[in-house]
C-alpha cells in the first residue's frame, strides 16, 4: 500500500506541475516532421500567432528569434510583453538531431533537461508549425504546439490548414488560443 500511495502522490504532483499545459493520457504521438529541413532558411524572427497553453508564456507579443552560432548550435531568444509593461526575455540554445534536422531540442537552463522542438511544417518565409511533447512515466504526456509567422499576422486560411495538420496527427487543437500581436511596442 505505501508504494501505491507514493505513486498516487507523484502523479498528483505532476498534475499540479502541468497546470496550464495540455495534458493527455498515454504516450506522445509521433507526427512526421518537415522533410529536407534547412535551418539556415529557418533562422530569423518568428511571431507567435496561436498556441496550445504553456504556463511559461504569460504575456502578449510573443516572439522568437533564432540565429546560427559558430559551434553549429542555434541561439534562441524568446520574448514577450508582460501585463506590467515589462519585456520578459529568455535566451536558450537549440540543437538539431543527427539524421533528423527538423527534430531539434531546446534548453533554456543548464539544470533543466532539453525539450523537443519539432518543425512539422514550414515554408520558411510565411509560416511554421512547431510541436513539442514529453511523456511522463509512460502514463501521460504534455504537449505544446505553436503556429508561427514571419509577420505579426497570418492568413486565417493558413492557420486553419495548420490546425488541420495537427488534427490529422491526432493532436487535439481544442485548446489552441490566439496570441495578441496587435498591441505590441515597436521596439520589440
N, C-alpha and C. Protein backbone atom coordinates (compact mmCIF):
# COMPACT_ATOMS: atom_id res chain seq x y z
N UNK A 1 0.80 -1.21 0.00
CA UNK A 1 0.00 0.00 0.00
C UNK A 1 0.85 1.28 0.00
N UNK A 2 1.97 1.35 0.76
CA UNK A 2 2.78 2.57 0.72
C UNK A 2 3.30 2.88 -0.68
N UNK A 3 3.63 1.87 -1.47
CA UNK A 3 4.10 2.09 -2.85
C UNK A 3 3.01 2.71 -3.70
N UNK A 4 1.78 2.26 -3.53
CA UNK A 4 0.64 2.81 -4.28
C UNK A 4 0.40 4.27 -3.88
N UNK A 5 0.47 4.54 -2.58
CA UNK A 5 0.29 5.91 -2.10
C UNK A 5 1.37 6.83 -2.66
N UNK A 6 2.59 6.35 -2.72
CA UNK A 6 3.69 7.15 -3.26
C UNK A 6 3.46 7.44 -4.74
N UNK A 7 3.01 6.44 -5.50
CA UNK A 7 2.75 6.63 -6.93
C UNK A 7 1.63 7.64 -7.13
N UNK A 8 0.55 7.53 -6.34
CA UNK A 8 -0.56 8.48 -6.45
C UNK A 8 -0.07 9.89 -6.10
N UNK A 9 0.75 10.00 -5.07
CA UNK A 9 1.29 11.30 -4.68
C UNK A 9 2.14 11.90 -5.80
N UNK A 10 2.98 11.09 -6.42
CA UNK A 10 3.81 11.56 -7.53
C UNK A 10 2.93 12.01 -8.69
N UNK A 11 1.91 11.23 -9.02
CA UNK A 11 1.01 11.58 -10.13
C UNK A 11 0.30 12.91 -9.85
N UNK A 12 -0.20 13.11 -8.65
CA UNK A 12 -0.86 14.38 -8.33
C UNK A 12 0.12 15.54 -8.37
N UNK A 13 1.35 15.31 -7.93
CA UNK A 13 2.38 16.36 -8.01
C UNK A 13 2.64 16.73 -9.46
N UNK A 14 2.75 15.74 -10.32
CA UNK A 14 2.99 16.00 -11.74
C UNK A 14 1.81 16.73 -12.37
N UNK A 15 0.60 16.36 -11.97
CA UNK A 15 -0.58 17.05 -12.49
C UNK A 15 -0.58 18.52 -12.07
N UNK A 16 -0.14 18.81 -10.84
CA UNK A 16 -0.06 20.19 -10.39
C UNK A 16 0.96 20.96 -11.23
N UNK A 17 2.11 20.34 -11.48
CA UNK A 17 3.16 20.98 -12.27
C UNK A 17 2.65 21.29 -13.68
N UNK A 18 1.79 20.44 -14.21
CA UNK A 18 1.34 20.58 -15.59
C UNK A 18 0.14 21.51 -15.74
N UNK A 19 -0.27 22.15 -14.65
CA UNK A 19 -1.40 23.08 -14.73
C UNK A 19 -1.10 24.16 -15.77
N UNK A 20 -2.07 24.43 -16.63
CA UNK A 20 -1.86 25.42 -17.69
C UNK A 20 -1.23 24.82 -18.92
N UNK A 21 -1.03 23.53 -18.91
CA UNK A 21 -0.44 22.83 -20.05
C UNK A 21 -1.54 21.99 -20.72
N UNK A 22 -1.20 21.41 -21.84
CA UNK A 22 -2.12 20.49 -22.49
C UNK A 22 -1.69 19.08 -22.13
N UNK A 23 -2.48 18.47 -21.29
CA UNK A 23 -2.18 17.18 -20.69
C UNK A 23 -3.08 16.12 -21.33
N UNK A 24 -2.50 14.97 -21.69
CA UNK A 24 -3.27 13.86 -22.27
C UNK A 24 -2.73 12.54 -21.75
N UNK A 25 -3.61 11.56 -21.65
CA UNK A 25 -3.19 10.23 -21.23
C UNK A 25 -2.44 9.54 -22.36
N UNK A 26 -1.58 8.62 -21.98
CA UNK A 26 -0.83 7.83 -22.96
C UNK A 26 0.46 8.52 -23.38
N UNK A 27 1.11 7.88 -24.31
CA UNK A 27 2.39 8.37 -24.81
C UNK A 27 2.19 9.46 -25.87
N UNK A 28 3.25 10.21 -26.12
CA UNK A 28 3.22 11.26 -27.14
C UNK A 28 2.98 10.67 -28.52
N UNK A 29 2.24 11.38 -29.36
CA UNK A 29 2.16 10.98 -30.77
C UNK A 29 3.52 11.21 -31.43
N UNK A 30 3.72 10.63 -32.58
CA UNK A 30 4.99 10.75 -33.29
C UNK A 30 4.72 11.27 -34.70
N UNK A 31 4.33 12.56 -34.82
CA UNK A 31 3.99 13.08 -36.15
C UNK A 31 5.24 13.23 -37.02
N UNK A 32 5.06 13.15 -38.32
CA UNK A 32 6.20 13.39 -39.22
C UNK A 32 6.60 14.86 -39.18
N UNK A 33 7.85 15.11 -39.46
CA UNK A 33 8.37 16.48 -39.45
C UNK A 33 8.67 16.94 -40.87
N UNK A 34 9.01 18.22 -40.98
CA UNK A 34 9.33 18.84 -42.27
C UNK A 34 10.45 18.06 -42.96
N UNK A 35 10.21 17.65 -44.18
CA UNK A 35 11.24 16.95 -44.96
C UNK A 35 12.27 17.96 -45.44
N UNK A 36 13.51 17.53 -45.54
CA UNK A 36 14.61 18.35 -46.05
C UNK A 36 14.70 19.70 -45.34
N UNK A 37 14.53 19.67 -44.03
CA UNK A 37 14.55 20.90 -43.23
C UNK A 37 15.90 21.60 -43.38
N UNK A 38 15.85 22.91 -43.63
CA UNK A 38 17.05 23.73 -43.82
C UNK A 38 17.07 24.82 -42.74
N UNK A 39 17.88 24.61 -41.72
CA UNK A 39 17.91 25.55 -40.60
C UNK A 39 18.39 26.94 -41.02
N UNK A 40 19.22 27.02 -42.05
CA UNK A 40 19.69 28.33 -42.49
C UNK A 40 18.56 29.18 -43.05
N UNK A 41 17.54 28.55 -43.62
CA UNK A 41 16.36 29.29 -44.09
C UNK A 41 15.40 29.60 -42.94
N UNK A 42 15.49 28.82 -41.87
CA UNK A 42 14.55 28.93 -40.75
C UNK A 42 14.93 30.04 -39.77
N UNK A 43 16.23 30.32 -39.63
CA UNK A 43 16.65 31.30 -38.64
C UNK A 43 16.04 32.67 -38.93
N UNK A 44 16.00 33.51 -37.91
CA UNK A 44 15.39 34.83 -38.02
C UNK A 44 14.26 34.97 -37.03
N UNK A 45 13.47 36.02 -37.20
CA UNK A 45 12.38 36.33 -36.28
C UNK A 45 11.09 35.63 -36.69
N UNK A 46 10.40 35.08 -35.67
CA UNK A 46 9.08 34.47 -35.83
C UNK A 46 8.15 35.07 -34.79
N UNK A 47 6.92 35.35 -35.19
CA UNK A 47 5.88 35.84 -34.28
C UNK A 47 4.95 34.68 -33.96
N UNK A 48 4.59 34.56 -32.68
CA UNK A 48 3.64 33.54 -32.27
C UNK A 48 2.24 34.00 -32.64
N UNK A 49 1.52 33.19 -33.43
CA UNK A 49 0.17 33.53 -33.88
C UNK A 49 -0.87 32.83 -33.01
N UNK A 50 -0.70 31.53 -32.81
CA UNK A 50 -1.59 30.74 -31.95
C UNK A 50 -0.76 29.66 -31.29
N UNK A 51 -1.30 29.12 -30.16
CA UNK A 51 -0.56 28.08 -29.43
C UNK A 51 -1.48 27.28 -28.54
N UNK A 52 -1.02 26.09 -28.18
CA UNK A 52 -1.60 25.36 -27.07
C UNK A 52 -1.07 26.03 -25.80
N UNK A 53 -1.84 26.04 -24.71
CA UNK A 53 -1.41 26.74 -23.50
C UNK A 53 -0.04 26.28 -23.00
N UNK A 54 0.71 27.25 -22.51
CA UNK A 54 2.03 26.99 -21.93
C UNK A 54 2.18 27.88 -20.70
N UNK A 55 2.36 27.28 -19.54
CA UNK A 55 2.42 28.07 -18.30
C UNK A 55 3.61 29.01 -18.27
N UNK A 56 4.63 28.74 -19.06
CA UNK A 56 5.81 29.61 -19.07
C UNK A 56 5.64 30.81 -20.00
N UNK A 57 4.54 30.88 -20.72
CA UNK A 57 4.22 32.04 -21.56
C UNK A 57 3.00 32.72 -20.98
N UNK A 58 3.19 33.91 -20.44
CA UNK A 58 2.10 34.60 -19.76
C UNK A 58 1.75 35.94 -20.41
N UNK A 59 2.51 36.36 -21.39
CA UNK A 59 2.32 37.68 -21.95
C UNK A 59 1.69 37.68 -23.33
N UNK A 60 1.86 38.83 -23.98
CA UNK A 60 1.40 39.03 -25.36
C UNK A 60 2.62 39.38 -26.20
N UNK A 61 2.42 39.56 -27.48
CA UNK A 61 3.50 39.98 -28.38
C UNK A 61 4.67 38.98 -28.34
N UNK A 62 4.38 37.71 -28.23
CA UNK A 62 5.42 36.70 -28.08
C UNK A 62 6.15 36.50 -29.41
N UNK A 63 7.48 36.54 -29.31
CA UNK A 63 8.35 36.40 -30.48
C UNK A 63 9.49 35.46 -30.16
N UNK A 64 10.01 34.84 -31.21
CA UNK A 64 11.21 34.02 -31.09
C UNK A 64 12.18 34.46 -32.17
N UNK A 65 13.43 34.51 -31.82
CA UNK A 65 14.46 34.87 -32.79
C UNK A 65 15.55 33.81 -32.73
N UNK A 66 15.85 33.21 -33.88
CA UNK A 66 16.84 32.15 -33.97
C UNK A 66 18.01 32.62 -34.82
N UNK A 67 19.22 32.28 -34.37
CA UNK A 67 20.41 32.60 -35.15
C UNK A 67 21.42 31.46 -35.00
N UNK A 68 22.23 31.28 -36.03
CA UNK A 68 23.23 30.22 -36.01
C UNK A 68 24.45 30.66 -35.20
N UNK A 69 24.97 29.75 -34.40
CA UNK A 69 26.17 30.00 -33.63
C UNK A 69 27.36 29.35 -34.35
N UNK A 70 28.55 29.80 -34.02
CA UNK A 70 29.75 29.25 -34.67
C UNK A 70 29.93 27.77 -34.40
N UNK A 71 29.42 27.27 -33.26
CA UNK A 71 29.58 25.86 -32.91
C UNK A 71 28.54 24.96 -33.58
N UNK A 72 27.72 25.53 -34.47
CA UNK A 72 26.71 24.75 -35.18
C UNK A 72 25.37 24.67 -34.46
N UNK A 73 25.32 25.15 -33.24
CA UNK A 73 24.06 25.16 -32.50
C UNK A 73 23.28 26.42 -32.85
N UNK A 74 22.06 26.51 -32.34
CA UNK A 74 21.17 27.62 -32.68
C UNK A 74 20.88 28.43 -31.42
N UNK A 75 21.15 29.71 -31.49
CA UNK A 75 20.82 30.61 -30.39
C UNK A 75 19.33 30.93 -30.47
N UNK A 76 18.65 30.83 -29.34
CA UNK A 76 17.21 31.06 -29.25
C UNK A 76 16.97 32.21 -28.29
N UNK A 77 16.26 33.22 -28.74
CA UNK A 77 15.84 34.31 -27.85
C UNK A 77 14.33 34.43 -27.97
N UNK A 78 13.65 34.17 -26.87
CA UNK A 78 12.19 34.32 -26.80
C UNK A 78 11.88 35.54 -25.95
N UNK A 79 10.88 36.30 -26.37
CA UNK A 79 10.47 37.44 -25.56
C UNK A 79 8.97 37.65 -25.67
N UNK A 80 8.45 38.29 -24.62
CA UNK A 80 7.03 38.59 -24.53
C UNK A 80 6.84 39.86 -23.73
N UNK A 81 5.72 40.51 -23.96
CA UNK A 81 5.34 41.70 -23.20
C UNK A 81 4.43 41.26 -22.07
N UNK A 82 4.83 41.52 -20.83
CA UNK A 82 4.05 41.16 -19.66
C UNK A 82 2.99 42.22 -19.38
N UNK A 83 2.02 41.88 -18.56
CA UNK A 83 0.91 42.79 -18.27
C UNK A 83 1.36 44.05 -17.53
N UNK A 84 2.51 44.00 -16.86
CA UNK A 84 3.01 45.19 -16.16
C UNK A 84 3.82 46.11 -17.08
N UNK A 85 3.90 45.77 -18.38
CA UNK A 85 4.61 46.60 -19.35
C UNK A 85 6.08 46.25 -19.54
N UNK A 86 6.57 45.27 -18.76
CA UNK A 86 7.96 44.86 -18.92
C UNK A 86 8.09 43.80 -20.01
N UNK A 87 9.26 43.74 -20.59
CA UNK A 87 9.53 42.71 -21.60
C UNK A 87 10.30 41.59 -20.92
N UNK A 88 9.73 40.40 -20.94
CA UNK A 88 10.36 39.21 -20.40
C UNK A 88 11.15 38.56 -21.54
N UNK A 89 12.43 38.35 -21.34
CA UNK A 89 13.30 37.81 -22.38
C UNK A 89 14.09 36.65 -21.80
N UNK A 90 14.19 35.57 -22.57
CA UNK A 90 14.96 34.41 -22.15
C UNK A 90 15.79 33.92 -23.33
N UNK A 91 17.01 33.52 -23.03
CA UNK A 91 17.91 33.03 -24.08
C UNK A 91 18.20 31.55 -23.84
N UNK A 92 18.20 30.80 -24.93
CA UNK A 92 18.50 29.38 -24.85
C UNK A 92 19.28 28.92 -26.05
N UNK A 93 19.35 27.60 -26.19
CA UNK A 93 20.13 27.01 -27.27
C UNK A 93 19.40 25.78 -27.79
N UNK A 94 19.36 25.67 -29.11
CA UNK A 94 18.74 24.51 -29.75
C UNK A 94 19.80 23.73 -30.50
N UNK A 95 19.56 22.42 -30.58
CA UNK A 95 20.48 21.52 -31.26
C UNK A 95 19.66 20.61 -32.17
N UNK A 96 20.13 20.41 -33.39
CA UNK A 96 19.47 19.50 -34.32
C UNK A 96 19.90 18.07 -34.03
N UNK A 97 18.98 17.13 -34.23
CA UNK A 97 19.30 15.71 -34.07
C UNK A 97 19.96 15.20 -35.33
N UNK A 98 20.93 14.35 -35.15
CA UNK A 98 21.58 13.73 -36.31
C UNK A 98 20.58 12.91 -37.10
N UNK A 99 20.56 13.12 -38.40
CA UNK A 99 19.68 12.36 -39.28
C UNK A 99 18.26 12.89 -39.37
N UNK A 100 17.85 13.72 -38.44
CA UNK A 100 16.51 14.30 -38.45
C UNK A 100 16.61 15.78 -38.11
N UNK A 101 17.04 16.61 -39.06
CA UNK A 101 17.31 18.01 -38.77
C UNK A 101 16.10 18.82 -38.32
N UNK A 102 14.86 18.39 -38.64
CA UNK A 102 13.68 19.13 -38.20
C UNK A 102 13.27 18.77 -36.78
N UNK A 103 13.96 17.80 -36.17
CA UNK A 103 13.72 17.44 -34.78
C UNK A 103 14.85 18.03 -33.95
N UNK A 104 14.54 19.17 -33.35
CA UNK A 104 15.53 19.85 -32.52
C UNK A 104 15.19 19.65 -31.05
N UNK A 105 16.17 19.91 -30.22
CA UNK A 105 15.92 20.00 -28.78
C UNK A 105 16.37 21.39 -28.36
N UNK A 106 15.67 21.95 -27.39
CA UNK A 106 15.98 23.31 -26.93
C UNK A 106 16.07 23.31 -25.41
N UNK A 107 17.02 24.07 -24.91
CA UNK A 107 17.15 24.21 -23.46
C UNK A 107 17.40 25.68 -23.12
N UNK A 108 16.85 26.08 -21.98
CA UNK A 108 16.99 27.45 -21.52
C UNK A 108 17.76 27.56 -20.21
N UNK A 109 17.85 26.48 -19.48
CA UNK A 109 18.57 26.46 -18.21
C UNK A 109 19.46 25.23 -18.19
N UNK A 110 20.68 25.39 -17.74
CA UNK A 110 21.62 24.27 -17.73
C UNK A 110 21.15 23.12 -16.84
N UNK A 111 20.39 23.41 -15.80
CA UNK A 111 19.96 22.38 -14.87
C UNK A 111 18.69 21.65 -15.33
N UNK A 112 18.05 22.15 -16.36
CA UNK A 112 16.81 21.54 -16.85
C UNK A 112 17.10 20.71 -18.08
N UNK A 113 16.39 19.60 -18.22
CA UNK A 113 16.58 18.81 -19.45
C UNK A 113 16.07 19.58 -20.66
N UNK A 114 16.62 19.28 -21.80
CA UNK A 114 16.16 19.94 -23.02
C UNK A 114 14.80 19.39 -23.43
N UNK A 115 14.07 20.19 -24.19
CA UNK A 115 12.73 19.82 -24.63
C UNK A 115 12.69 19.66 -26.14
N UNK A 116 11.79 18.82 -26.63
CA UNK A 116 11.66 18.67 -28.09
C UNK A 116 11.15 19.95 -28.73
N UNK A 117 11.63 20.22 -29.92
CA UNK A 117 11.17 21.33 -30.75
C UNK A 117 11.16 20.77 -32.17
N UNK A 118 10.00 20.28 -32.57
CA UNK A 118 9.87 19.62 -33.87
C UNK A 118 9.17 20.55 -34.85
N UNK A 119 9.80 20.81 -35.96
CA UNK A 119 9.18 21.62 -37.00
C UNK A 119 8.39 20.67 -37.89
N UNK A 120 7.06 20.72 -37.75
CA UNK A 120 6.20 19.82 -38.52
C UNK A 120 6.02 20.32 -39.95
N UNK A 121 5.94 21.64 -40.10
CA UNK A 121 5.73 22.21 -41.44
C UNK A 121 6.22 23.66 -41.44
N UNK A 122 6.86 24.05 -42.52
CA UNK A 122 7.24 25.44 -42.70
C UNK A 122 7.48 25.70 -44.18
N UNK A 123 7.22 26.94 -44.58
CA UNK A 123 7.62 27.37 -45.93
C UNK A 123 8.77 28.37 -45.82
N UNK A 124 9.29 28.55 -44.58
CA UNK A 124 10.43 29.40 -44.24
C UNK A 124 10.15 30.89 -44.38
N UNK A 125 9.24 31.30 -45.24
CA UNK A 125 9.01 32.71 -45.50
C UNK A 125 7.73 33.26 -44.88
N UNK A 126 6.79 32.38 -44.55
CA UNK A 126 5.50 32.83 -44.03
C UNK A 126 5.08 32.17 -42.72
N UNK A 127 5.14 30.86 -42.66
CA UNK A 127 4.59 30.14 -41.51
C UNK A 127 5.51 29.01 -41.05
N UNK A 128 5.27 28.61 -39.81
CA UNK A 128 5.91 27.44 -39.23
C UNK A 128 4.94 26.81 -38.23
N UNK A 129 4.89 25.49 -38.22
CA UNK A 129 4.09 24.73 -37.26
C UNK A 129 5.07 23.93 -36.42
N UNK A 130 5.15 24.25 -35.12
CA UNK A 130 6.10 23.61 -34.21
C UNK A 130 5.34 22.80 -33.17
N UNK A 131 5.89 21.63 -32.83
CA UNK A 131 5.26 20.73 -31.89
C UNK A 131 6.29 20.25 -30.88
N UNK A 132 5.85 20.12 -29.64
CA UNK A 132 6.70 19.59 -28.59
C UNK A 132 5.86 18.70 -27.69
N UNK A 133 6.41 17.55 -27.31
CA UNK A 133 5.67 16.64 -26.45
C UNK A 133 6.65 15.85 -25.59
N UNK A 134 6.28 15.67 -24.33
CA UNK A 134 7.10 14.90 -23.40
C UNK A 134 6.19 13.91 -22.68
N UNK A 135 6.60 12.64 -22.68
CA UNK A 135 5.86 11.59 -21.99
C UNK A 135 6.41 11.45 -20.57
N UNK A 136 5.51 11.30 -19.60
CA UNK A 136 5.89 11.10 -18.20
C UNK A 136 5.43 9.73 -17.73
N UNK A 137 6.33 8.98 -17.22
CA UNK A 137 6.09 7.67 -16.62
C UNK A 137 5.25 6.76 -17.53
N UNK A 138 5.30 6.92 -18.81
CA UNK A 138 4.59 6.12 -19.80
C UNK A 138 3.08 6.19 -19.64
N UNK A 139 2.59 7.08 -18.76
CA UNK A 139 1.15 7.15 -18.50
C UNK A 139 0.47 8.35 -19.16
N UNK A 140 1.17 9.48 -19.21
CA UNK A 140 0.55 10.66 -19.79
C UNK A 140 1.63 11.51 -20.45
N UNK A 141 1.18 12.47 -21.23
CA UNK A 141 2.12 13.38 -21.90
C UNK A 141 1.61 14.81 -21.84
N UNK A 142 2.57 15.72 -21.95
CA UNK A 142 2.27 17.14 -22.01
C UNK A 142 2.74 17.62 -23.37
N UNK A 143 1.85 18.32 -24.07
CA UNK A 143 2.22 18.75 -25.41
C UNK A 143 1.99 20.25 -25.59
N UNK A 144 2.78 20.78 -26.49
CA UNK A 144 2.71 22.17 -26.88
C UNK A 144 2.69 22.23 -28.40
N UNK A 145 2.06 23.24 -28.92
CA UNK A 145 2.09 23.48 -30.36
C UNK A 145 2.05 24.99 -30.58
N UNK A 146 2.81 25.44 -31.56
CA UNK A 146 2.87 26.86 -31.87
C UNK A 146 2.71 27.04 -33.37
N UNK A 147 1.85 27.96 -33.74
CA UNK A 147 1.76 28.41 -35.13
C UNK A 147 2.49 29.74 -35.17
N UNK A 148 3.54 29.80 -35.98
CA UNK A 148 4.40 30.97 -36.05
C UNK A 148 4.31 31.61 -37.43
N UNK A 149 4.64 32.88 -37.48
CA UNK A 149 4.62 33.62 -38.74
C UNK A 149 5.80 34.59 -38.77
N UNK A 150 6.23 34.93 -39.97
CA UNK A 150 7.30 35.93 -40.11
C UNK A 150 6.78 37.35 -39.87
N UNK A 151 5.47 37.51 -39.88
CA UNK A 151 4.84 38.80 -39.63
C UNK A 151 3.86 38.65 -38.46
N UNK A 152 3.43 39.76 -37.85
CA UNK A 152 2.52 39.66 -36.70
C UNK A 152 1.14 39.09 -37.02
N UNK A 153 0.82 38.93 -38.28
CA UNK A 153 -0.48 38.35 -38.66
C UNK A 153 -0.25 37.25 -39.69
N UNK A 154 -1.16 36.31 -39.71
CA UNK A 154 -1.11 35.20 -40.67
C UNK A 154 -2.52 34.97 -41.19
N UNK A 155 -2.62 34.70 -42.47
CA UNK A 155 -3.95 34.49 -43.06
C UNK A 155 -4.68 33.37 -42.34
N UNK A 156 -5.97 33.60 -42.10
CA UNK A 156 -6.78 32.62 -41.36
C UNK A 156 -6.83 31.27 -42.07
N UNK A 157 -6.77 31.27 -43.39
CA UNK A 157 -6.77 30.01 -44.13
C UNK A 157 -5.52 29.19 -43.81
N UNK A 158 -4.39 29.86 -43.66
CA UNK A 158 -3.14 29.17 -43.33
C UNK A 158 -3.20 28.63 -41.91
N UNK A 159 -3.72 29.42 -40.98
CA UNK A 159 -3.87 28.97 -39.59
C UNK A 159 -4.75 27.73 -39.54
N UNK A 160 -5.87 27.76 -40.24
CA UNK A 160 -6.78 26.61 -40.22
C UNK A 160 -6.14 25.38 -40.87
N UNK A 161 -5.39 25.58 -41.93
CA UNK A 161 -4.69 24.46 -42.58
C UNK A 161 -3.68 23.82 -41.61
N UNK A 162 -2.99 24.63 -40.85
CA UNK A 162 -2.01 24.11 -39.90
C UNK A 162 -2.71 23.39 -38.74
N UNK A 163 -3.83 23.90 -38.28
CA UNK A 163 -4.60 23.19 -37.25
C UNK A 163 -5.10 21.84 -37.78
N UNK A 164 -5.54 21.83 -39.03
CA UNK A 164 -5.98 20.56 -39.64
C UNK A 164 -4.83 19.57 -39.72
N UNK A 165 -3.63 20.07 -39.97
CA UNK A 165 -2.46 19.21 -40.00
C UNK A 165 -2.26 18.55 -38.62
N UNK A 166 -2.35 19.35 -37.57
CA UNK A 166 -2.24 18.79 -36.22
C UNK A 166 -3.31 17.74 -35.96
N UNK A 167 -4.54 18.05 -36.34
CA UNK A 167 -5.64 17.10 -36.14
C UNK A 167 -5.38 15.79 -36.88
N UNK A 168 -4.81 15.89 -38.07
CA UNK A 168 -4.53 14.68 -38.85
C UNK A 168 -3.51 13.78 -38.16
N UNK A 169 -2.72 14.34 -37.25
CA UNK A 169 -1.75 13.57 -36.47
C UNK A 169 -2.28 13.20 -35.10
N UNK A 170 -3.60 13.36 -34.91
CA UNK A 170 -4.28 13.03 -33.64
C UNK A 170 -3.83 13.92 -32.49
N UNK A 171 -3.53 15.18 -32.81
CA UNK A 171 -3.18 16.17 -31.80
C UNK A 171 -4.39 17.08 -31.61
N UNK A 172 -4.89 17.13 -30.39
CA UNK A 172 -6.10 17.90 -30.07
C UNK A 172 -5.83 19.39 -30.20
N UNK A 173 -6.66 20.08 -30.96
CA UNK A 173 -6.48 21.52 -31.17
C UNK A 173 -7.55 22.36 -30.46
N UNK A 174 -8.39 21.72 -29.66
CA UNK A 174 -9.48 22.45 -29.00
C UNK A 174 -8.99 23.58 -28.10
N UNK A 175 -7.81 23.42 -27.50
CA UNK A 175 -7.30 24.42 -26.56
C UNK A 175 -6.40 25.47 -27.22
N UNK A 176 -6.19 25.39 -28.51
CA UNK A 176 -5.33 26.37 -29.18
C UNK A 176 -5.97 27.76 -29.06
N UNK A 177 -5.13 28.73 -28.69
CA UNK A 177 -5.60 30.09 -28.49
C UNK A 177 -4.72 31.07 -29.27
N UNK A 178 -5.31 32.16 -29.75
CA UNK A 178 -4.50 33.18 -30.46
C UNK A 178 -3.63 33.97 -29.48
N UNK A 179 -2.53 34.46 -29.99
CA UNK A 179 -1.63 35.34 -29.24
C UNK A 179 -1.83 36.76 -29.75
N UNK A 180 -2.00 37.69 -28.83
CA UNK A 180 -2.19 39.10 -29.21
C UNK A 180 -0.88 39.64 -29.77
N UNK A 181 -0.90 40.02 -31.03
CA UNK A 181 0.25 40.66 -31.68
C UNK A 181 -0.12 42.08 -32.14
N UNK A 182 -1.31 42.55 -31.76
CA UNK A 182 -1.79 43.84 -32.25
C UNK A 182 -1.37 45.01 -31.35
N UNK A 183 -1.14 44.77 -30.09
CA UNK A 183 -0.87 45.85 -29.14
C UNK A 183 0.58 45.81 -28.66
N UNK A 184 1.49 45.69 -29.60
CA UNK A 184 2.90 45.50 -29.28
C UNK A 184 3.70 46.77 -29.49
N UNK A 185 4.65 47.01 -28.61
CA UNK A 185 5.52 48.19 -28.81
C UNK A 185 6.45 47.97 -29.99
N UNK A 186 6.78 49.02 -30.71
CA UNK A 186 7.62 48.88 -31.89
C UNK A 186 9.05 48.42 -31.59
N UNK A 187 9.55 48.64 -30.36
CA UNK A 187 10.92 48.28 -30.05
C UNK A 187 11.13 46.79 -29.82
N UNK A 188 10.07 46.01 -29.83
CA UNK A 188 10.25 44.57 -29.67
C UNK A 188 10.77 44.03 -30.97
